Amino acid sequence: MNLAKISANGQITVPVEIRRLLGLKSGDKILFFQKQNGEVVVSNASAQAIRRAQAAFTGAAGEMGISREDDVQALVDEVRYGKG
């Protein structure tokens, strides 16, 4: 268990063990959200955004017929240069 004190300005220092666990570094943003049971969860906002983006793109490559690195390069070329 880790304990943090809230300053008069409402600021806290995240304990080093928690920063390491969440992969936080100076300047990162943290996300607080409340679960249905009232529990408040702290998360690395950047990591959370990446996980949501990955989930949104799940299956997109297959739907677009992309299965190899060459397919990805062809798509990039098409978008950049209008090649098809």
Protein backbone atom coordinates (compact mmCIF):
# COMPACT_ATOMS: atom_id res chain seq x y z
CA MET A 1 0.00 0.00 0.00
CA ASN A 2 1.23 3.49 -0.85
CA LEU A 3 0.12 6.72 0.77
CA ALA A 4 0.16 10.23 -0.69
CA LYS A 5 -0.63 13.54 1.01
CA ILE A 6 -2.76 16.22 -0.65
CA SER A 7 -1.28 19.72 -0.57
CA ALA A 8 -3.26 22.88 0.15
CA ASN A 9 -3.51 23.34 -3.64
CA GLY A 10 -5.01 19.86 -4.09
CA GLN A 11 -1.79 18.42 -5.51
CA ILE A 12 -0.35 15.02 -4.70
CA THR A 13 2.99 13.36 -5.28
CA VAL A 14 2.50 9.94 -6.80
CA PRO A 15 4.75 7.47 -4.96
CA VAL A 16 7.70 6.21 -7.00
CA GLU A 17 6.47 2.60 -6.88
CA ILE A 18 3.15 3.63 -8.42
CA ARG A 19 4.85 5.78 -11.09
CA ARG A 20 6.95 2.78 -12.08
CA LEU A 21 3.95 0.46 -12.06
CA LEU A 22 1.95 2.79 -14.32
CA GLY A 23 4.94 3.75 -16.49
CA LEU A 24 4.54 7.43 -15.60
CA LYS A 25 7.17 10.07 -16.23
CA SER A 26 7.32 13.82 -15.71
CA GLY A 27 4.64 15.62 -17.72
CA ASP A 28 2.40 12.56 -18.15
CA LYS A 29 -1.29 12.83 -17.40
CA ILE A 30 -3.15 10.44 -15.15
CA LEU A 31 -6.77 9.44 -15.45
CA PHE A 32 -9.10 9.00 -12.49
CA PHE A 33 -12.34 7.13 -13.01
CA GLN A 34 -14.94 5.72 -10.67
CA LYS A 35 -16.18 2.16 -11.02
CA GLN A 36 -19.82 1.24 -10.38
CA ASN A 37 -18.94 0.00 -6.90
CA GLY A 38 -17.56 3.46 -5.98
CA GLU A 39 -13.91 2.47 -6.19
CA VAL A 40 -11.69 5.11 -7.83
CA VAL A 41 -9.04 3.82 -10.23
CA VAL A 42 -5.91 5.70 -11.30
CA SER A 43 -4.52 4.97 -14.76
CA ASN A 44 -1.86 6.27 -17.13
CA ALA A 45 -3.97 8.37 -19.52
CA SER A 46 -1.59 7.84 -22.46
CA ALA A 47 -1.56 4.08 -22.04
CA GLN A 48 -5.35 4.06 -21.67
CA ALA A 49 -5.75 6.02 -24.91
CA ILE A 50 -3.47 3.61 -26.76
CA ARG A 51 -5.41 0.59 -25.47
CA ARG A 52 -8.70 2.17 -26.59
CA ALA A 53 -7.27 2.95 -30.03
CA GLN A 54 -5.95 -0.60 -30.37
CA ALA A 55 -9.34 -1.98 -29.43
CA ALA A 56 -11.04 0.28 -31.98
CA PHE A 57 -8.73 -0.96 -34.74
CA THR A 58 -9.04 -4.65 -33.88
CA GLY A 59 -9.80 -6.54 -37.06
CA ALA A 60 -9.36 -3.51 -39.34
CA ALA A 61 -6.31 -4.96 -41.12
CA GLY A 62 -8.18 -8.12 -42.01
CA GLU A 63 -11.18 -6.15 -43.25
CA MET A 64 -8.86 -4.15 -45.51
CA GLY A 65 -7.08 -7.25 -46.81
CA ILE A 66 -3.81 -6.36 -45.10
CA SER A 67 -1.88 -9.42 -44.00
CA ARG A 68 1.77 -8.68 -44.80
CA GLU A 69 4.22 -5.82 -44.45
CA ASP A 70 4.11 -5.34 -48.25
CA ASP A 71 0.35 -4.70 -47.99
CA VAL A 72 0.97 -1.97 -45.42
CA GLN A 73 3.60 -0.32 -47.62
CA ALA A 74 1.29 -0.44 -50.64
CA LEU A 75 -1.45 1.27 -48.62
CA VAL A 76 0.98 3.96 -47.41
CA ASP A 77 2.16 4.55 -50.99
CA GLU A 78 -1.42 4.79 -52.20
CA VAL A 79 -2.31 7.39 -49.59
CA ARG A 80 0.91 9.39 -50.04
CA TYR A 81 1.30 9.29 -53.78
CA GLY A 82 -2.09 8.26 -55.14
CA LYS A 83 -0.65 4.99 -56.44
CA GLY A 84 -2.90 2.01 -56.57
